[in-house]
């Protein structure tokens, strides 16, 4: 079955960095684009970054452009999100997401808290 397992979240001070990982299994990872979403308390889930199946093209929400970088390692079936210059407003649960065969799959999420 499809599994998406995020890791790498934690507590970080403003201006700090974190690298999130999402280990995928149960489908041919290299054949599909992947996405990172986040959901802050009391807010709707929002799209943060997307990446094509080969990694050749990426897109970002305006709020994270220039600070976050999405990447993937198809040999490891793993998606990454490098987050730099973190701000308190980046505090959220971060999810990786995949859509296949008309079904949307989510990981369990990893908490990122940016606070001094």
C-alpha atoms as a PDB file:
ATOM      1  CA  UNK A   1       0.000   0.000   0.000  1.00  0.00           C
ATOM      2  CA  UNK A   2       1.031   3.599  -0.465  1.00  0.00           C
ATOM      3  CA  UNK A   3       3.010   5.096   2.394  1.00  0.00           C
ATOM      4  CA  UNK A   4       4.395   8.585   2.788  1.00  0.00           C
ATOM      5  CA  UNK A   5       6.477   9.087   5.927  1.00  0.00           C
ATOM      6  CA  UNK A   6       7.727  12.568   6.773  1.00  0.00           C
ATOM      7  CA  UNK A   7      10.582  13.327   9.141  1.00  0.00           C
ATOM      8  CA  UNK A   8      12.939  16.134  10.054  1.00  0.00           C
ATOM      9  CA  UNK A   9      10.623  18.577  11.787  1.00  0.00           C
ATOM     10  CA  UNK A  10      11.374  20.200  15.109  1.00  0.00           C
ATOM     11  CA  UNK A  11      11.834  23.414  17.027  1.00  0.00           C
ATOM     12  CA  UNK A  12      14.116  26.005  15.449  1.00  0.00           C
ATOM     13  CA  UNK A  13      14.876  29.649  16.125  1.00  0.00           C
ATOM     14  CA  UNK A  14      13.928  32.349  13.625  1.00  0.00           C
ATOM     15  CA  UNK A  15      16.524  32.497  10.887  1.00  0.00           C
ATOM     16  CA  UNK A  16      17.383  28.849  11.301  1.00  0.00           C
ATOM     17  CA  UNK A  17      17.146  25.934   8.893  1.00  0.00           C
ATOM     18  CA  UNK A  18      15.559  22.517   8.732  1.00  0.00           C
ATOM     19  CA  UNK A  19      15.485  19.779   6.126  1.00  0.00           C
ATOM     20  CA  UNK A  20      12.353  17.700   5.835  1.00  0.00           C
ATOM     21  CA  UNK A  21      12.277  14.264   4.232  1.00  0.00           C
ATOM     22  CA  UNK A  22       9.413  12.179   2.913  1.00  0.00           C
ATOM     23  CA  UNK A  23      10.058   8.487   2.309  1.00  0.00           C
ATOM     24  CA  UNK A  24       7.628   7.111  -0.263  1.00  0.00           C
ATOM     25  CA  UNK A  25       6.671   3.506  -0.944  1.00  0.00           C
ATOM     26  CA  UNK A  26       3.921   1.528  -2.612  1.00  0.00           C
ATOM     27  CA  UNK A  27       4.127   3.275  -5.984  1.00  0.00           C
ATOM     28  CA  UNK A  28       6.715   4.090  -8.643  1.00  0.00           C
ATOM     29  CA  UNK A  29       8.002   7.297  -7.140  1.00  0.00           C
ATOM     30  CA  UNK A  30      10.059   8.328 -10.159  1.00  0.00           C
ATOM     31  CA  UNK A  31       6.970   8.435 -12.386  1.00  0.00           C
ATOM     32  CA  UNK A  32       5.154  11.200 -10.527  1.00  0.00           C
ATOM     33  CA  UNK A  33       5.358  14.784  -9.419  1.00  0.00           C
ATOM     34  CA  UNK A  34       5.237  15.377  -5.693  1.00  0.00           C
ATOM     35  CA  UNK A  35       4.104  18.176  -3.424  1.00  0.00           C
ATOM     36  CA  UNK A  36       4.738  19.633   0.009  1.00  0.00           C
ATOM     37  CA  UNK A  37       1.835  21.219   1.887  1.00  0.00           C
ATOM     38  CA  UNK A  38       1.581  22.793   5.311  1.00  0.00           C
ATOM     39  CA  UNK A  39      -1.176  23.580   7.759  1.00  0.00           C
ATOM     40  CA  UNK A  40      -0.832  26.158  10.492  1.00  0.00           C
ATOM     41  CA  UNK A  41      -3.136  26.171  13.528  1.00  0.00           C
ATOM     42  CA  UNK A  42      -6.543  27.552  12.614  1.00  0.00           C
ATOM     43  CA  UNK A  43      -5.681  27.823   8.930  1.00  0.00           C
ATOM     44  CA  UNK A  44      -6.389  25.805   5.824  1.00  0.00           C
ATOM     45  CA  UNK A  45      -3.792  23.486   4.380  1.00  0.00           C
ATOM     46  CA  UNK A  46      -1.735  25.291   1.757  1.00  0.00           C
ATOM     47  CA  UNK A  47       0.530  24.202  -1.066  1.00  0.00           C
ATOM     48  CA  UNK A  48       4.154  25.068  -0.351  1.00  0.00           C
ATOM     49  CA  UNK A  49       6.156  23.540  -3.204  1.00  0.00           C
ATOM     50  CA  UNK A  50       5.855  21.170  -6.128  1.00  0.00           C
ATOM     51  CA  UNK A  51       8.386  19.207  -8.147  1.00  0.00           C
ATOM     52  CA  UNK A  52       8.121  17.354 -11.437  1.00  0.00           C
ATOM     53  CA  UNK A  53       8.942  13.669 -11.597  1.00  0.00           C
ATOM     54  CA  UNK A  54      12.463  14.265 -12.874  1.00  0.00           C
ATOM     55  CA  UNK A  55      13.065  17.253 -10.641  1.00  0.00           C
ATOM     56  CA  UNK A  56      13.466  19.421 -13.718  1.00  0.00           C
ATOM     57  CA  UNK A  57      10.839  21.939 -12.660  1.00  0.00           C
ATOM     58  CA  UNK A  58       9.792  23.266  -9.303  1.00  0.00           C
ATOM     59  CA  UNK A  59       7.241  25.790  -8.085  1.00  0.00           C
ATOM     60  CA  UNK A  60       6.830  27.573  -4.776  1.00  0.00           C
ATOM     61  CA  UNK A  61       4.280  29.551  -2.859  1.00  0.00           C
ATOM     62  CA  UNK A  62       5.176  33.229  -2.850  1.00  0.00           C
ATOM     63  CA  UNK A  63       5.585  33.123   0.919  1.00  0.00           C
ATOM     64  CA  UNK A  64       8.537  30.699   0.708  1.00  0.00           C
ATOM     65  CA  UNK A  65      10.217  31.645  -2.573  1.00  0.00           C
ATOM     66  CA  UNK A  66      13.920  32.180  -2.156  1.00  0.00           C
ATOM     67  CA  UNK A  67      13.961  30.467   1.252  1.00  0.00           C
ATOM     68  CA  UNK A  68      12.728  26.912   0.613  1.00  0.00           C
ATOM     69  CA  UNK A  69      13.976  24.369  -1.905  1.00  0.00           C
ATOM     70  CA  UNK A  70      12.174  21.181  -2.907  1.00  0.00           C
ATOM     71  CA  UNK A  71      14.201  18.292  -4.279  1.00  0.00           C
ATOM     72  CA  UNK A  72      13.988  14.542  -4.738  1.00  0.00           C
ATOM     73  CA  UNK A  73      16.147  11.460  -4.959  1.00  0.00           C
ATOM     74  CA  UNK A  74      14.395   8.979  -7.217  1.00  0.00           C
ATOM     75  CA  UNK A  75      16.938   6.273  -6.375  1.00  0.00           C
ATOM     76  CA  UNK A  76      15.807   6.472  -2.750  1.00  0.00           C
ATOM     77  CA  UNK A  77      12.122   7.290  -3.406  1.00  0.00           C
ATOM     78  CA  UNK A  78      12.537  10.278  -1.131  1.00  0.00           C
ATOM     79  CA  UNK A  79      11.279  13.836  -1.331  1.00  0.00           C
ATOM     80  CA  UNK A  80      13.004  16.709   0.482  1.00  0.00           C
ATOM     81  CA  UNK A  81      12.226  20.240   1.568  1.00  0.00           C
ATOM     82  CA  UNK A  82      15.174  22.409   2.574  1.00  0.00           C
ATOM     83  CA  UNK A  83      13.897  25.336   4.625  1.00  0.00           C
ATOM     84  CA  UNK A  84      16.187  28.282   5.302  1.00  0.00           C
ATOM     85  CA  UNK A  85      15.691  31.672   6.935  1.00  0.00           C
ATOM     86  CA  UNK A  86      12.734  30.285   8.825  1.00  0.00           C
ATOM     87  CA  UNK A  87      10.163  32.685  10.226  1.00  0.00           C
ATOM     88  CA  UNK A  88       7.599  32.247  13.004  1.00  0.00           C
ATOM     89  CA  UNK A  89       4.876  32.252  10.352  1.00  0.00           C
ATOM     90  CA  UNK A  90       6.391  29.090   8.886  1.00  0.00           C
ATOM     91  CA  UNK A  91       5.211  27.233  11.991  1.00  0.00           C
ATOM     92  CA  UNK A  92       2.919  24.448  10.779  1.00  0.00           C
ATOM     93  CA  UNK A  93       2.559  20.742  10.242  1.00  0.00           C
ATOM     94  CA  UNK A  94       4.229  19.883   6.945  1.00  0.00           C
ATOM     95  CA  UNK A  95       2.874  17.111   4.724  1.00  0.00           C
ATOM     96  CA  UNK A  96       4.062  15.458   1.572  1.00  0.00           C
ATOM     97  CA  UNK A  97       1.362  14.602  -0.910  1.00  0.00           C
ATOM     98  CA  UNK A  98       0.981  12.391  -3.945  1.00  0.00           C
ATOM     99  CA  UNK A  99      -1.944  11.956  -6.314  1.00  0.00           C
ATOM    100  CA  UNK A 100      -2.303   8.735  -8.235  1.00  0.00           C
ATOM    101  CA  UNK A 101      -5.147   6.850  -9.891  1.00  0.00           C
ATOM    102  CA  UNK A 102      -7.561   9.540  -8.825  1.00  0.00           C
ATOM    103  CA  UNK A 103      -6.656   9.218  -5.142  1.00  0.00           C
ATOM    104  CA  UNK A 104      -4.821  11.769  -3.017  1.00  0.00           C
ATOM    105  CA  UNK A 105      -2.396  10.396  -0.459  1.00  0.00           C
ATOM    106  CA  UNK A 106      -0.967  12.256   2.538  1.00  0.00           C
ATOM    107  CA  UNK A 107       1.726  11.473   5.012  1.00  0.00           C
ATOM    108  CA  UNK A 108       1.160  11.803   8.741  1.00  0.00           C
ATOM    109  CA  UNK A 109       2.917  15.163   8.812  1.00  0.00           C
ATOM    110  CA  UNK A 110       5.869  16.547  10.696  1.00  0.00           C
ATOM    111  CA  UNK A 111       5.651  19.531  13.050  1.00  0.00           C
ATOM    112  CA  UNK A 112       7.836  22.555  12.398  1.00  0.00           C
ATOM    113  CA  UNK A 113       7.894  25.216  15.101  1.00  0.00           C
ATOM    114  CA  UNK A 114       9.821  28.438  14.613  1.00  0.00           C
ATOM    115  CA  UNK A 115      10.201  30.287  17.871  1.00  0.00           C
ATOM    116  CA  UNK A 116      12.800  31.983  20.023  1.00  0.00           C
END
